Amino acid sequence: MEHIDAIAMLQDPVRRRLYEYVATQGREVGRNEAAEAAGVARTLAAHHLDRLTEAGLLESGSRRLTERSGPGAGRPAKVYTRVRVERSVSLPARDYRTAADLLAEAAEAAGLDAGLRAAARSRGEALRGSTEPCADLADAMEVLAARGYEPHLEDTEGAEAAAGSAAPVVRMRNCPFHAVAERFPPLVCGMNLALLEGLFGTDGAVRARMDARPGRCCVVIENSKNNDG
């Protein structure tokens, strides 16, 4: 399916709510859960989820949604996740991806990492402008969401939380520079960190730091040590 046809599938408001819900969960979502989130019947949700899968916007599989196993556990349920393939449309046609790749390749070959980080930090500061610094992580999540990072507060349950040493951090499910970052990770991830340092500042209530994880943006936002105590 052509990109424009796939994106046009989201014109239907129910389909769009279902897609946005599945996309923002960062995990497999069953039909019942998606239907409840979108406020529609399960059969209608199943129809639209399968249409989104056919269009290549979601991918589906099957999994047991309970811990039960063996006879009587029931059949695995159909589950959905967002595909990693990027969809975009430009009218008239443009090719900024190739331009970004060429510029990144030249910058890496010339050792321009420091200059790129300086430019990114300045751009972040310009984007922040005269607005007040973020007061907390909730404010930071609003700023990141507006720029397409898909932020979420990391679940602090687990060993670190049990030991009382865990601190909440904001992670991002989406990297706006994903395609170029995959080809030039040190260069682009360093640029991304500098951009967010400029956007949030380095002496406010929150700060950006590098903490790369598979399938996630390489930067996290956390409470600044300036705010401790």
N, C-alpha and C. Protein backbone atom coordinates (compact mmCIF):
# COMPACT_ATOMS: atom_id res chain seq x y z
N MET A 1 0.85 -1.20 0.00
CA MET A 1 0.00 0.00 0.00
C MET A 1 0.88 1.25 0.00
N GLU A 2 0.52 2.23 -0.85
CA GLU A 2 1.28 3.47 -0.90
C GLU A 2 1.18 4.21 0.43
N HIS A 3 2.21 5.00 0.75
CA HIS A 3 2.22 5.72 2.02
C HIS A 3 0.98 6.59 2.18
N ILE A 4 0.61 7.29 1.11
CA ILE A 4 -0.52 8.22 1.22
C ILE A 4 -1.83 7.47 1.50
N ASP A 5 -1.96 6.27 0.94
CA ASP A 5 -3.16 5.46 1.19
C ASP A 5 -3.18 4.97 2.63
N ALA A 6 -2.01 4.56 3.14
CA ALA A 6 -1.94 4.08 4.53
C ALA A 6 -2.26 5.21 5.50
N ILE A 7 -1.69 6.38 5.27
CA ILE A 7 -1.94 7.51 6.17
C ILE A 7 -3.41 7.94 6.09
N ALA A 8 -4.00 7.85 4.91
CA ALA A 8 -5.40 8.23 4.74
C ALA A 8 -6.33 7.34 5.57
N MET A 9 -5.88 6.13 5.91
CA MET A 9 -6.68 5.25 6.75
C MET A 9 -6.99 5.88 8.10
N LEU A 10 -6.14 6.79 8.54
CA LEU A 10 -6.30 7.40 9.87
C LEU A 10 -7.32 8.54 9.86
N GLN A 11 -7.90 8.82 8.71
CA GLN A 11 -8.92 9.86 8.65
C GLN A 11 -10.16 9.47 9.45
N ASP A 12 -10.43 8.16 9.52
CA ASP A 12 -11.56 7.69 10.32
C ASP A 12 -11.24 7.92 11.80
N PRO A 13 -12.11 8.66 12.54
CA PRO A 13 -11.78 9.02 13.92
C PRO A 13 -11.62 7.82 14.86
N VAL A 14 -12.42 6.78 14.70
CA VAL A 14 -12.28 5.60 15.56
C VAL A 14 -10.96 4.90 15.28
N ARG A 15 -10.66 4.75 13.99
CA ARG A 15 -9.42 4.08 13.61
C ARG A 15 -8.21 4.86 14.14
N ARG A 16 -8.32 6.19 14.07
CA ARG A 16 -7.20 7.00 14.54
C ARG A 16 -7.01 6.87 16.04
N ARG A 17 -8.12 6.84 16.79
CA ARG A 17 -8.00 6.68 18.26
C ARG A 17 -7.35 5.33 18.59
N LEU A 18 -7.76 4.30 17.88
CA LEU A 18 -7.18 2.98 18.13
C LEU A 18 -5.69 2.96 17.80
N TYR A 19 -5.33 3.56 16.67
CA TYR A 19 -3.91 3.59 16.28
C TYR A 19 -3.09 4.35 17.32
N GLU A 20 -3.57 5.52 17.72
CA GLU A 20 -2.83 6.34 18.68
C GLU A 20 -2.69 5.62 20.02
N TYR A 21 -3.74 4.90 20.42
CA TYR A 21 -3.64 4.19 21.70
C TYR A 21 -2.58 3.09 21.62
N VAL A 22 -2.66 2.27 20.57
CA VAL A 22 -1.68 1.18 20.42
C VAL A 22 -0.27 1.75 20.32
N ALA A 23 -0.11 2.83 19.54
CA ALA A 23 1.22 3.40 19.31
C ALA A 23 1.85 3.92 20.60
N THR A 24 1.03 4.46 21.50
CA THR A 24 1.60 5.08 22.69
C THR A 24 1.82 4.10 23.83
N GLN A 25 1.41 2.84 23.68
CA GLN A 25 1.60 1.89 24.78
C GLN A 25 3.01 1.29 24.80
N GLY A 26 3.64 1.16 23.61
CA GLY A 26 4.98 0.59 23.59
C GLY A 26 4.99 -0.88 23.95
N ARG A 27 3.90 -1.58 23.76
CA ARG A 27 3.80 -3.02 24.06
C ARG A 27 2.63 -3.59 23.26
N GLU A 28 2.43 -4.90 23.35
CA GLU A 28 1.31 -5.51 22.65
C GLU A 28 -0.01 -5.15 23.33
N VAL A 29 -1.00 -4.88 22.52
CA VAL A 29 -2.32 -4.48 23.04
C VAL A 29 -3.38 -5.43 22.47
N GLY A 30 -4.24 -5.96 23.34
CA GLY A 30 -5.31 -6.85 22.90
C GLY A 30 -6.53 -6.07 22.44
N ARG A 31 -7.47 -6.78 21.80
CA ARG A 31 -8.65 -6.13 21.25
C ARG A 31 -9.54 -5.53 22.35
N ASN A 32 -9.71 -6.25 23.44
CA ASN A 32 -10.57 -5.74 24.52
C ASN A 32 -10.03 -4.43 25.08
N GLU A 33 -8.74 -4.41 25.33
CA GLU A 33 -8.11 -3.21 25.90
C GLU A 33 -8.23 -2.03 24.94
N ALA A 34 -7.96 -2.28 23.65
CA ALA A 34 -8.03 -1.19 22.66
C ALA A 34 -9.46 -0.67 22.53
N ALA A 35 -10.44 -1.60 22.53
CA ALA A 35 -11.84 -1.20 22.42
C ALA A 35 -12.25 -0.32 23.60
N GLU A 36 -11.85 -0.72 24.80
CA GLU A 36 -12.19 0.06 25.99
C GLU A 36 -11.55 1.45 25.94
N ALA A 37 -10.29 1.50 25.49
CA ALA A 37 -9.60 2.79 25.42
C ALA A 37 -10.24 3.73 24.41
N ALA A 38 -10.73 3.16 23.29
CA ALA A 38 -11.33 3.99 22.24
C ALA A 38 -12.81 4.24 22.47
N GLY A 39 -13.40 3.52 23.44
CA GLY A 39 -14.81 3.72 23.74
C GLY A 39 -15.74 3.16 22.68
N VAL A 40 -15.34 2.01 22.09
CA VAL A 40 -16.17 1.38 21.07
C VAL A 40 -16.33 -0.10 21.40
N ALA A 41 -17.25 -0.77 20.70
CA ALA A 41 -17.48 -2.20 20.91
C ALA A 41 -16.27 -3.01 20.42
N ARG A 42 -16.08 -4.18 21.02
CA ARG A 42 -14.93 -5.02 20.67
C ARG A 42 -14.93 -5.41 19.20
N THR A 43 -16.11 -5.74 18.67
CA THR A 43 -16.16 -6.17 17.26
C THR A 43 -15.76 -5.03 16.32
N LEU A 44 -16.19 -3.81 16.65
CA LEU A 44 -15.80 -2.66 15.81
C LEU A 44 -14.30 -2.40 15.93
N ALA A 45 -13.79 -2.50 17.16
CA ALA A 45 -12.35 -2.30 17.35
C ALA A 45 -11.55 -3.35 16.58
N ALA A 46 -12.00 -4.61 16.63
CA ALA A 46 -11.28 -5.68 15.92
C ALA A 46 -11.25 -5.40 14.41
N HIS A 47 -12.39 -4.94 13.87
CA HIS A 47 -12.45 -4.62 12.43
C HIS A 47 -11.42 -3.55 12.07
N HIS A 48 -11.39 -2.47 12.84
CA HIS A 48 -10.47 -1.36 12.50
C HIS A 48 -9.02 -1.74 12.77
N LEU A 49 -8.76 -2.49 13.82
CA LEU A 49 -7.38 -2.91 14.09
C LEU A 49 -6.84 -3.78 12.96
N ASP A 50 -7.70 -4.65 12.44
CA ASP A 50 -7.26 -5.49 11.32
C ASP A 50 -7.07 -4.67 10.05
N ARG A 51 -7.91 -3.65 9.85
CA ARG A 51 -7.71 -2.76 8.68
C ARG A 51 -6.38 -2.02 8.79
N LEU A 52 -6.05 -1.58 10.00
CA LEU A 52 -4.77 -0.89 10.21
C LEU A 52 -3.59 -1.83 9.97
N THR A 53 -3.78 -3.10 10.33
CA THR A 53 -2.73 -4.09 10.08
C THR A 53 -2.56 -4.32 8.58
N GLU A 54 -3.68 -4.44 7.86
CA GLU A 54 -3.61 -4.62 6.41
C GLU A 54 -2.93 -3.44 5.73
N ALA A 55 -3.09 -2.25 6.31
CA ALA A 55 -2.49 -1.05 5.72
C ALA A 55 -1.01 -0.91 6.07
N GLY A 56 -0.51 -1.79 6.95
CA GLY A 56 0.90 -1.72 7.32
C GLY A 56 1.21 -0.71 8.40
N LEU A 57 0.19 -0.23 9.11
CA LEU A 57 0.43 0.72 10.20
C LEU A 57 0.61 0.00 11.54
N LEU A 58 -0.01 -1.17 11.68
CA LEU A 58 0.15 -2.01 12.87
C LEU A 58 0.60 -3.39 12.41
N GLU A 59 1.15 -4.15 13.34
CA GLU A 59 1.40 -5.56 13.08
C GLU A 59 0.75 -6.37 14.18
N SER A 60 0.32 -7.56 13.85
CA SER A 60 -0.44 -8.36 14.82
C SER A 60 0.24 -9.69 15.08
N GLY A 61 -0.11 -10.27 16.21
CA GLY A 61 0.38 -11.59 16.59
C GLY A 61 -0.64 -12.19 17.52
N SER A 62 -0.29 -13.27 18.18
CA SER A 62 -1.20 -13.87 19.15
C SER A 62 -0.42 -14.24 20.40
N ARG A 63 -1.07 -14.07 21.53
CA ARG A 63 -0.40 -14.31 22.81
C ARG A 63 -1.47 -14.51 23.88
N ARG A 64 -1.17 -15.37 24.84
CA ARG A 64 -2.07 -15.50 25.98
C ARG A 64 -1.93 -14.26 26.86
N LEU A 65 -3.06 -13.67 27.21
CA LEU A 65 -3.03 -12.45 28.01
C LEU A 65 -3.15 -12.73 29.50
N THR A 66 -3.21 -14.02 29.88
CA THR A 66 -3.23 -14.39 31.30
C THR A 66 -2.05 -15.30 31.58
N GLU A 67 -1.81 -15.56 32.83
CA GLU A 67 -0.70 -16.42 33.22
C GLU A 67 -1.06 -17.89 33.11
N ARG A 68 -2.33 -18.19 32.85
CA ARG A 68 -2.77 -19.58 32.79
C ARG A 68 -2.17 -20.29 31.57
N SER A 69 -1.92 -21.59 31.69
CA SER A 69 -1.40 -22.38 30.58
C SER A 69 -1.98 -23.78 30.66
N GLY A 70 -1.80 -24.54 29.59
CA GLY A 70 -2.28 -25.90 29.56
C GLY A 70 -3.76 -25.98 29.22
N PRO A 71 -4.38 -27.18 29.37
CA PRO A 71 -5.81 -27.35 29.03
C PRO A 71 -6.68 -26.40 29.85
N GLY A 72 -7.65 -25.76 29.17
CA GLY A 72 -8.55 -24.84 29.86
C GLY A 72 -8.05 -23.42 29.90
N ALA A 73 -6.85 -23.19 29.39
CA ALA A 73 -6.29 -21.83 29.42
C ALA A 73 -6.90 -20.95 28.33
N GLY A 74 -7.59 -21.60 27.37
CA GLY A 74 -8.19 -20.83 26.29
C GLY A 74 -7.20 -20.55 25.17
N ARG A 75 -7.74 -20.02 24.06
CA ARG A 75 -6.90 -19.74 22.90
C ARG A 75 -6.12 -18.43 23.10
N PRO A 76 -4.95 -18.34 22.50
CA PRO A 76 -4.22 -17.06 22.57
C PRO A 76 -5.04 -15.94 21.96
N ALA A 77 -4.90 -14.75 22.47
CA ALA A 77 -5.64 -13.60 21.96
C ALA A 77 -4.82 -12.89 20.88
N LYS A 78 -5.52 -12.20 19.99
CA LYS A 78 -4.84 -11.43 18.95
C LYS A 78 -4.36 -10.12 19.56
N VAL A 79 -3.10 -9.77 19.33
CA VAL A 79 -2.53 -8.54 19.91
C VAL A 79 -1.90 -7.71 18.79
N TYR A 80 -1.72 -6.42 19.06
CA TYR A 80 -1.26 -5.46 18.05
C TYR A 80 -0.15 -4.57 18.61
N THR A 81 0.80 -4.23 17.76
CA THR A 81 1.81 -3.24 18.07
C THR A 81 2.02 -2.35 16.85
N ARG A 82 2.61 -1.18 17.06
CA ARG A 82 2.91 -0.30 15.92
C ARG A 82 4.11 -0.84 15.15
N VAL A 83 4.07 -0.78 13.84
CA VAL A 83 5.21 -1.20 13.03
C VAL A 83 6.33 -0.18 13.17
N ARG A 84 7.57 -0.64 12.94
CA ARG A 84 8.72 0.28 13.03
C ARG A 84 8.95 1.03 11.72
N VAL A 85 8.28 0.59 10.64
CA VAL A 85 8.46 1.26 9.35
C VAL A 85 7.89 2.67 9.42
N GLU A 86 8.64 3.63 8.89
CA GLU A 86 8.23 5.03 8.91
C GLU A 86 7.38 5.34 7.68
N ARG A 87 6.30 6.07 7.88
CA ARG A 87 5.44 6.50 6.77
C ARG A 87 5.47 8.02 6.67
N SER A 88 5.61 8.55 5.48
CA SER A 88 5.58 10.00 5.30
C SER A 88 5.11 10.33 3.89
N VAL A 89 4.57 11.54 3.77
CA VAL A 89 4.09 12.01 2.47
C VAL A 89 4.56 13.44 2.30
N SER A 90 5.06 13.78 1.12
CA SER A 90 5.48 15.14 0.82
C SER A 90 4.91 15.55 -0.53
N LEU A 91 4.22 16.67 -0.55
CA LEU A 91 3.65 17.18 -1.80
C LEU A 91 4.05 18.64 -1.96
N PRO A 92 4.84 18.97 -2.98
CA PRO A 92 5.45 18.07 -3.96
C PRO A 92 6.54 17.22 -3.33
N ALA A 93 7.05 16.25 -4.07
CA ALA A 93 8.04 15.31 -3.54
C ALA A 93 9.31 16.03 -3.10
N ARG A 94 9.80 15.69 -1.92
CA ARG A 94 11.07 16.19 -1.39
C ARG A 94 11.88 15.01 -0.88
N ASP A 95 13.17 15.20 -0.71
CA ASP A 95 14.02 14.09 -0.25
C ASP A 95 14.99 14.61 0.82
N TYR A 96 14.45 15.05 1.94
CA TYR A 96 15.29 15.57 3.02
C TYR A 96 16.11 14.46 3.68
N ARG A 97 15.63 13.20 3.60
CA ARG A 97 16.36 12.07 4.19
C ARG A 97 17.74 11.92 3.56
N THR A 98 17.78 11.95 2.23
CA THR A 98 19.07 11.82 1.54
C THR A 98 19.98 12.99 1.88
N ALA A 99 19.42 14.19 1.93
CA ALA A 99 20.22 15.37 2.28
C ALA A 99 20.78 15.22 3.69
N ALA A 100 19.96 14.75 4.65
CA ALA A 100 20.43 14.57 6.02
C ALA A 100 21.52 13.52 6.09
N ASP A 101 21.35 12.42 5.34
CA ASP A 101 22.38 11.37 5.32
C ASP A 101 23.70 11.90 4.79
N LEU A 102 23.63 12.66 3.70
CA LEU A 102 24.86 13.19 3.09
C LEU A 102 25.56 14.17 4.03
N LEU A 103 24.77 15.04 4.67
CA LEU A 103 25.36 16.02 5.60
C LEU A 103 25.97 15.31 6.81
N ALA A 104 25.29 14.29 7.32
CA ALA A 104 25.83 13.55 8.46
C ALA A 104 27.10 12.81 8.08
N GLU A 105 27.11 12.22 6.89
CA GLU A 105 28.30 11.50 6.43
C GLU A 105 29.49 12.45 6.32
N ALA A 106 29.24 13.64 5.76
CA ALA A 106 30.32 14.61 5.61
C ALA A 106 30.79 15.13 6.96
N ALA A 107 29.85 15.38 7.88
CA ALA A 107 30.20 15.89 9.22
C ALA A 107 31.02 14.87 9.99
N GLU A 108 30.64 13.59 9.87
CA GLU A 108 31.38 12.55 10.57
C GLU A 108 32.78 12.39 10.01
N ALA A 109 32.89 12.42 8.68
CA ALA A 109 34.20 12.28 8.04
C ALA A 109 35.12 13.44 8.39
N ALA A 110 34.57 14.62 8.55
CA ALA A 110 35.37 15.82 8.84
C ALA A 110 35.58 16.03 10.34
N GLY A 111 34.99 15.17 11.16
CA GLY A 111 35.15 15.32 12.62
C GLY A 111 34.48 16.55 13.16
N LEU A 112 33.27 16.83 12.68
CA LEU A 112 32.58 18.05 13.08
C LEU A 112 31.61 17.84 14.24
N ASP A 113 31.83 16.80 15.03
CA ASP A 113 30.91 16.48 16.12
C ASP A 113 30.69 17.67 17.07
N ALA A 114 31.78 18.28 17.48
CA ALA A 114 31.67 19.38 18.46
C ALA A 114 30.89 20.56 17.88
N GLY A 115 31.16 20.87 16.60
CA GLY A 115 30.44 21.97 15.97
C GLY A 115 28.96 21.68 15.83
N LEU A 116 28.63 20.42 15.53
CA LEU A 116 27.22 20.05 15.40
C LEU A 116 26.52 20.14 16.75
N ARG A 117 27.19 19.68 17.81
CA ARG A 117 26.59 19.76 19.14
C ARG A 117 26.37 21.21 19.56
N ALA A 118 27.32 22.07 19.23
CA ALA A 118 27.17 23.49 19.57
C ALA A 118 25.97 24.10 18.84
N ALA A 119 25.84 23.75 17.56
CA ALA A 119 24.70 24.26 16.78
C ALA A 119 23.39 23.73 17.33
N ALA A 120 23.37 22.44 17.72
CA ALA A 120 22.15 21.84 18.26
C ALA A 120 21.76 22.48 19.59
N ARG A 121 22.75 22.75 20.44
CA ARG A 121 22.45 23.38 21.74
C ARG A 121 21.87 24.78 21.52
N SER A 122 22.44 25.52 20.59
CA SER A 122 21.91 26.85 20.27
C SER A 122 20.49 26.77 19.74
N ARG A 123 20.21 25.76 18.91
CA ARG A 123 18.86 25.60 18.37
C ARG A 123 17.88 25.27 19.50
N GLY A 124 18.31 24.42 20.43
CA GLY A 124 17.45 24.09 21.57
C GLY A 124 17.13 25.33 22.39
N GLU A 125 18.13 26.15 22.63
CA GLU A 125 17.92 27.39 23.39
C GLU A 125 16.97 28.32 22.65
N ALA A 126 17.11 28.38 21.33
CA ALA A 126 16.22 29.23 20.53
C ALA A 126 14.79 28.71 20.58
N LEU A 127 14.62 27.39 20.55
CA LEU A 127 13.28 26.81 20.63
C LEU A 127 12.64 27.11 21.98
N ARG A 128 13.45 27.09 23.04
CA ARG A 128 12.93 27.40 24.39
C ARG A 128 12.55 28.86 24.48
N GLY A 129 13.31 29.72 23.84
CA GLY A 129 13.00 31.15 23.83
C GLY A 129 12.95 31.74 25.21
N SER A 130 11.92 32.55 25.44
CA SER A 130 11.80 33.25 26.72
C SER A 130 10.85 32.54 27.68
N THR A 131 10.43 31.32 27.35
CA THR A 131 9.51 30.61 28.24
C THR A 131 10.21 30.20 29.53
N GLU A 132 9.40 30.05 30.56
CA GLU A 132 9.94 29.64 31.86
C GLU A 132 10.51 28.23 31.76
N PRO A 133 11.58 27.94 32.50
CA PRO A 133 12.12 26.57 32.49
C PRO A 133 11.08 25.59 33.02
N CYS A 134 11.17 24.34 32.60
CA CYS A 134 10.25 23.31 33.08
C CYS A 134 10.38 23.17 34.60
N ALA A 135 9.22 23.13 35.26
CA ALA A 135 9.22 23.05 36.73
C ALA A 135 9.43 21.62 37.22
N ASP A 136 9.04 20.65 36.40
CA ASP A 136 9.16 19.25 36.82
C ASP A 136 9.07 18.34 35.59
N LEU A 137 9.07 17.03 35.83
CA LEU A 137 9.06 16.08 34.73
C LEU A 137 7.75 16.12 33.93
N ALA A 138 6.64 16.46 34.60
CA ALA A 138 5.37 16.56 33.88
C ALA A 138 5.44 17.68 32.84
N ASP A 139 6.01 18.80 33.20
CA ASP A 139 6.19 19.90 32.25
C ASP A 139 7.09 19.45 31.09
N ALA A 140 8.16 18.74 31.44
CA ALA A 140 9.09 18.28 30.41
C ALA A 140 8.41 17.34 29.43
N MET A 141 7.50 16.48 29.93
CA MET A 141 6.80 15.55 29.05
C MET A 141 5.92 16.29 28.05
N GLU A 142 5.32 17.40 28.46
CA GLU A 142 4.51 18.18 27.53
C GLU A 142 5.37 18.76 26.41
N VAL A 143 6.54 19.27 26.79
CA VAL A 143 7.45 19.84 25.79
C VAL A 143 7.91 18.76 24.81
N LEU A 144 8.27 17.60 25.34
CA LEU A 144 8.75 16.51 24.49
C LEU A 144 7.65 15.97 23.58
N ALA A 145 6.44 15.85 24.11
CA ALA A 145 5.31 15.35 23.31
C ALA A 145 5.05 16.28 22.12
N ALA A 146 5.16 17.59 22.37
CA ALA A 146 4.92 18.55 21.29
C ALA A 146 5.95 18.43 20.17
N ARG A 147 7.11 17.85 20.47
CA ARG A 147 8.17 17.70 19.48
C ARG A 147 8.27 16.28 18.94
N GLY A 148 7.27 15.43 19.29
CA GLY A 148 7.17 14.10 18.69
C GLY A 148 7.99 13.01 19.34
N TYR A 149 8.49 13.24 20.56
CA TYR A 149 9.34 12.23 21.20
C TYR A 149 8.54 11.08 21.84
N GLU A 150 7.24 11.22 22.03
CA GLU A 150 6.41 10.21 22.69
C GLU A 150 6.96 9.85 24.06
N PRO A 151 6.99 10.80 24.98
CA PRO A 151 7.59 10.54 26.29
C PRO A 151 6.68 9.73 27.21
N HIS A 152 7.27 9.05 28.14
CA HIS A 152 6.51 8.35 29.19
C HIS A 152 7.38 8.26 30.42
N LEU A 153 6.73 8.29 31.56
CA LEU A 153 7.46 8.19 32.82
C LEU A 153 7.81 6.72 33.04
N GLU A 154 9.09 6.45 33.21
CA GLU A 154 9.52 5.06 33.34
C GLU A 154 8.96 4.44 34.60
N ASP A 155 8.48 3.19 34.47
CA ASP A 155 8.00 2.43 35.61
C ASP A 155 9.17 2.20 36.56
N THR A 156 9.03 2.64 37.77
CA THR A 156 10.14 2.51 38.73
C THR A 156 10.01 1.26 39.57
N GLU A 157 9.04 0.38 39.22
CA GLU A 157 8.96 -0.86 39.97
C GLU A 157 10.14 -1.75 39.59
N GLY A 158 10.55 -2.61 40.50
CA GLY A 158 11.66 -3.52 40.22
C GLY A 158 12.70 -3.48 41.30
N ALA A 159 13.85 -4.04 40.97
CA ALA A 159 14.88 -4.19 41.99
C ALA A 159 15.35 -2.86 42.54
N GLU A 160 15.56 -1.88 41.61
CA GLU A 160 16.06 -0.59 42.10
C GLU A 160 15.03 0.10 42.99
N ALA A 161 13.75 0.01 42.59
CA ALA A 161 12.72 0.65 43.39
C ALA A 161 12.60 -0.04 44.75
N ALA A 162 12.70 -1.38 44.74
CA ALA A 162 12.60 -2.11 45.99
C ALA A 162 13.73 -1.72 46.93
N ALA A 163 14.88 -1.43 46.36
CA ALA A 163 16.02 -1.03 47.18
C ALA A 163 15.96 0.45 47.55
N GLY A 164 14.97 1.15 47.03
CA GLY A 164 14.82 2.57 47.36
C GLY A 164 15.78 3.47 46.63
N SER A 165 16.44 2.95 45.57
CA SER A 165 17.45 3.75 44.88
C SER A 165 16.95 4.26 43.53
N ALA A 166 15.73 3.87 43.13
CA ALA A 166 15.25 4.27 41.82
C ALA A 166 14.74 5.70 41.84
N ALA A 167 15.00 6.43 40.77
CA ALA A 167 14.48 7.79 40.62
C ALA A 167 13.72 7.82 39.31
N PRO A 168 12.57 8.50 39.27
CA PRO A 168 11.81 8.52 38.02
C PRO A 168 12.56 9.24 36.91
N VAL A 169 12.43 8.72 35.71
CA VAL A 169 13.02 9.37 34.54
C VAL A 169 11.98 9.34 33.42
N VAL A 170 12.09 10.29 32.54
CA VAL A 170 11.24 10.32 31.35
C VAL A 170 12.02 9.71 30.20
N ARG A 171 11.48 8.64 29.63
CA ARG A 171 12.07 8.05 28.44
C ARG A 171 11.18 8.37 27.24
N MET A 172 11.74 8.25 26.04
CA MET A 172 11.00 8.57 24.84
C MET A 172 10.91 7.34 23.93
N ARG A 173 9.69 7.01 23.54
CA ARG A 173 9.52 5.85 22.66
C ARG A 173 9.90 6.16 21.23
N ASN A 174 9.94 7.43 20.85
CA ASN A 174 10.24 7.79 19.47
C ASN A 174 11.43 8.73 19.40
N CYS A 175 12.33 8.44 18.47
CA CYS A 175 13.43 9.37 18.16
C CYS A 175 13.08 10.08 16.86
N PRO A 176 12.89 11.39 16.88
CA PRO A 176 12.56 12.11 15.65
C PRO A 176 13.64 12.01 14.59
N PHE A 177 14.86 11.61 14.99
CA PHE A 177 15.98 11.52 14.05
C PHE A 177 16.36 10.07 13.78
N HIS A 178 15.41 9.16 13.98
CA HIS A 178 15.69 7.73 14.00
C HIS A 178 16.47 7.24 12.78
N ALA A 179 16.00 7.56 11.57
CA ALA A 179 16.62 7.01 10.36
C ALA A 179 18.09 7.41 10.25
N VAL A 180 18.42 8.68 10.53
CA VAL A 180 19.80 9.13 10.43
C VAL A 180 20.61 8.63 11.63
N ALA A 181 19.96 8.55 12.80
CA ALA A 181 20.66 8.07 13.99
C ALA A 181 21.09 6.62 13.84
N GLU A 182 20.32 5.83 13.11
CA GLU A 182 20.70 4.42 12.91
C GLU A 182 21.98 4.31 12.10
N ARG A 183 22.21 5.24 11.18
CA ARG A 183 23.42 5.19 10.34
C ARG A 183 24.61 5.86 11.00
N PHE A 184 24.35 6.90 11.79
CA PHE A 184 25.45 7.67 12.40
C PHE A 184 25.15 7.87 13.89
N PRO A 185 25.12 6.80 14.67
CA PRO A 185 24.65 6.93 16.07
C PRO A 185 25.45 7.89 16.95
N PRO A 186 26.79 7.83 17.00
CA PRO A 186 27.48 8.78 17.89
C PRO A 186 27.22 10.24 17.51
N LEU A 187 27.25 10.50 16.21
CA LEU A 187 27.08 11.88 15.73
C LEU A 187 25.68 12.39 16.05
N VAL A 188 24.66 11.62 15.67
CA VAL A 188 23.28 12.10 15.78
C VAL A 188 22.78 12.04 17.23
N CYS A 189 23.16 11.01 17.97
CA CYS A 189 22.74 10.95 19.38
C CYS A 189 23.38 12.09 20.18
N GLY A 190 24.63 12.42 19.88
CA GLY A 190 25.27 13.56 20.54
C GLY A 190 24.55 14.86 20.19
N MET A 191 24.15 14.99 18.95
CA MET A 191 23.39 16.17 18.52
C MET A 191 22.05 16.25 19.25
N ASN A 192 21.39 15.10 19.38
CA ASN A 192 20.08 15.06 20.04
C ASN A 192 20.21 15.46 21.51
N LEU A 193 21.23 14.94 22.19
CA LEU A 193 21.45 15.31 23.59
C LEU A 193 21.68 16.82 23.73
N ALA A 194 22.52 17.37 22.85
CA ALA A 194 22.80 18.80 22.91
C ALA A 194 21.55 19.64 22.65
N LEU A 195 20.73 19.19 21.71
CA LEU A 195 19.48 19.89 21.41
C LEU A 195 18.58 19.95 22.65
N LEU A 196 18.46 18.80 23.35
CA LEU A 196 17.59 18.75 24.53
C LEU A 196 18.21 19.49 25.71
N GLU A 197 19.54 19.51 25.79
CA GLU A 197 20.19 20.31 26.82
C GLU A 197 19.88 21.79 26.61
N GLY A 198 19.89 22.21 25.35
CA GLY A 198 19.54 23.59 25.07
C GLY A 198 18.07 23.88 25.35
N LEU A 199 17.22 22.90 25.04
CA LEU A 199 15.79 23.08 25.22
C LEU A 199 15.40 23.16 26.70
N PHE A 200 16.05 22.35 27.54
CA PHE A 200 15.69 22.31 28.96
C PHE A 200 16.65 23.11 29.83
N GLY A 201 17.80 23.50 29.28
CA GLY A 201 18.79 24.20 30.09
C GLY A 201 19.57 23.22 30.94
N THR A 202 20.60 23.70 31.59
CA THR A 202 21.46 22.84 32.40
C THR A 202 21.44 23.22 33.88
N ASP A 203 20.66 24.22 34.23
CA ASP A 203 20.64 24.65 35.64
C ASP A 203 19.21 24.78 36.17
N GLY A 204 18.26 24.07 35.53
CA GLY A 204 16.87 24.14 35.96
C GLY A 204 16.48 22.93 36.80
N ALA A 205 15.16 22.68 36.86
CA ALA A 205 14.63 21.60 37.70
C ALA A 205 14.81 20.23 37.04
N VAL A 206 14.95 20.20 35.71
CA VAL A 206 15.16 18.93 35.02
C VAL A 206 16.37 19.05 34.11
N ARG A 207 16.93 17.91 33.75
CA ARG A 207 18.09 17.92 32.87
C ARG A 207 18.04 16.71 31.95
N ALA A 208 18.75 16.79 30.83
CA ALA A 208 18.85 15.69 29.87
C ALA A 208 20.19 15.00 30.07
N ARG A 209 20.19 13.67 29.92
CA ARG A 209 21.45 12.94 29.93
C ARG A 209 21.33 11.73 29.00
N MET A 210 22.49 11.23 28.56
CA MET A 210 22.52 10.09 27.65
C MET A 210 22.28 8.80 28.42
N ASP A 211 21.39 7.95 27.91
CA ASP A 211 21.14 6.63 28.50
C ASP A 211 20.48 5.78 27.42
N ALA A 212 21.28 5.34 26.46
CA ALA A 212 20.75 4.64 25.29
C ALA A 212 20.19 3.28 25.69
N ARG A 213 19.01 2.95 25.15
CA ARG A 213 18.37 1.64 25.31
C ARG A 213 17.85 1.20 23.95
N PRO A 214 17.87 -0.12 23.66
CA PRO A 214 17.36 -0.59 22.36
C PRO A 214 15.91 -0.17 22.12
N GLY A 215 15.65 0.36 20.92
CA GLY A 215 14.29 0.71 20.55
C GLY A 215 13.77 1.98 21.18
N ARG A 216 14.60 2.73 21.87
CA ARG A 216 14.18 3.96 22.53
C ARG A 216 15.10 5.11 22.12
N CYS A 217 14.65 6.34 22.36
CA CYS A 217 15.52 7.50 22.18
C CYS A 217 16.70 7.35 23.14
N CYS A 218 17.86 7.87 22.72
CA CYS A 218 19.09 7.67 23.49
C CYS A 218 19.19 8.57 24.71
N VAL A 219 18.27 9.52 24.85
CA VAL A 219 18.35 10.50 25.94
C VAL A 219 17.19 10.29 26.91
N VAL A 220 17.44 10.51 28.19
CA VAL A 220 16.38 10.52 29.20
C VAL A 220 16.38 11.90 29.86
N ILE A 221 15.23 12.25 30.43
CA ILE A 221 15.10 13.49 31.20
C ILE A 221 14.85 13.09 32.65
N GLU A 222 15.56 13.72 33.55
CA GLU A 222 15.43 13.38 34.96
C GLU A 222 15.44 14.66 35.79
N ASN A 223 15.06 14.52 37.05
CA ASN A 223 15.16 15.67 37.95
C ASN A 223 16.62 16.06 38.11
N SER A 224 16.86 17.36 38.07
CA SER A 224 18.23 17.84 38.17
C SER A 224 18.76 17.68 39.58
N LYS A 225 20.04 17.38 39.69
CA LYS A 225 20.66 17.32 41.02
C LYS A 225 20.62 18.68 41.69
N ASN A 226 20.47 19.76 40.86
CA ASN A 226 20.34 21.10 41.45
C ASN A 226 19.07 21.22 42.28
N ASN A 227 18.11 20.25 41.99
CA ASN A 227 16.82 20.32 42.66
C ASN A 227 16.75 19.40 43.86
N ASP A 228 17.83 18.64 44.13
CA ASP A 228 17.85 17.72 45.24
C ASP A 228 17.94 18.48 46.56
N GLY A 229 17.43 17.80 47.58
CA GLY A 229 17.59 18.34 48.91
C GLY A 229 16.66 19.43 49.25
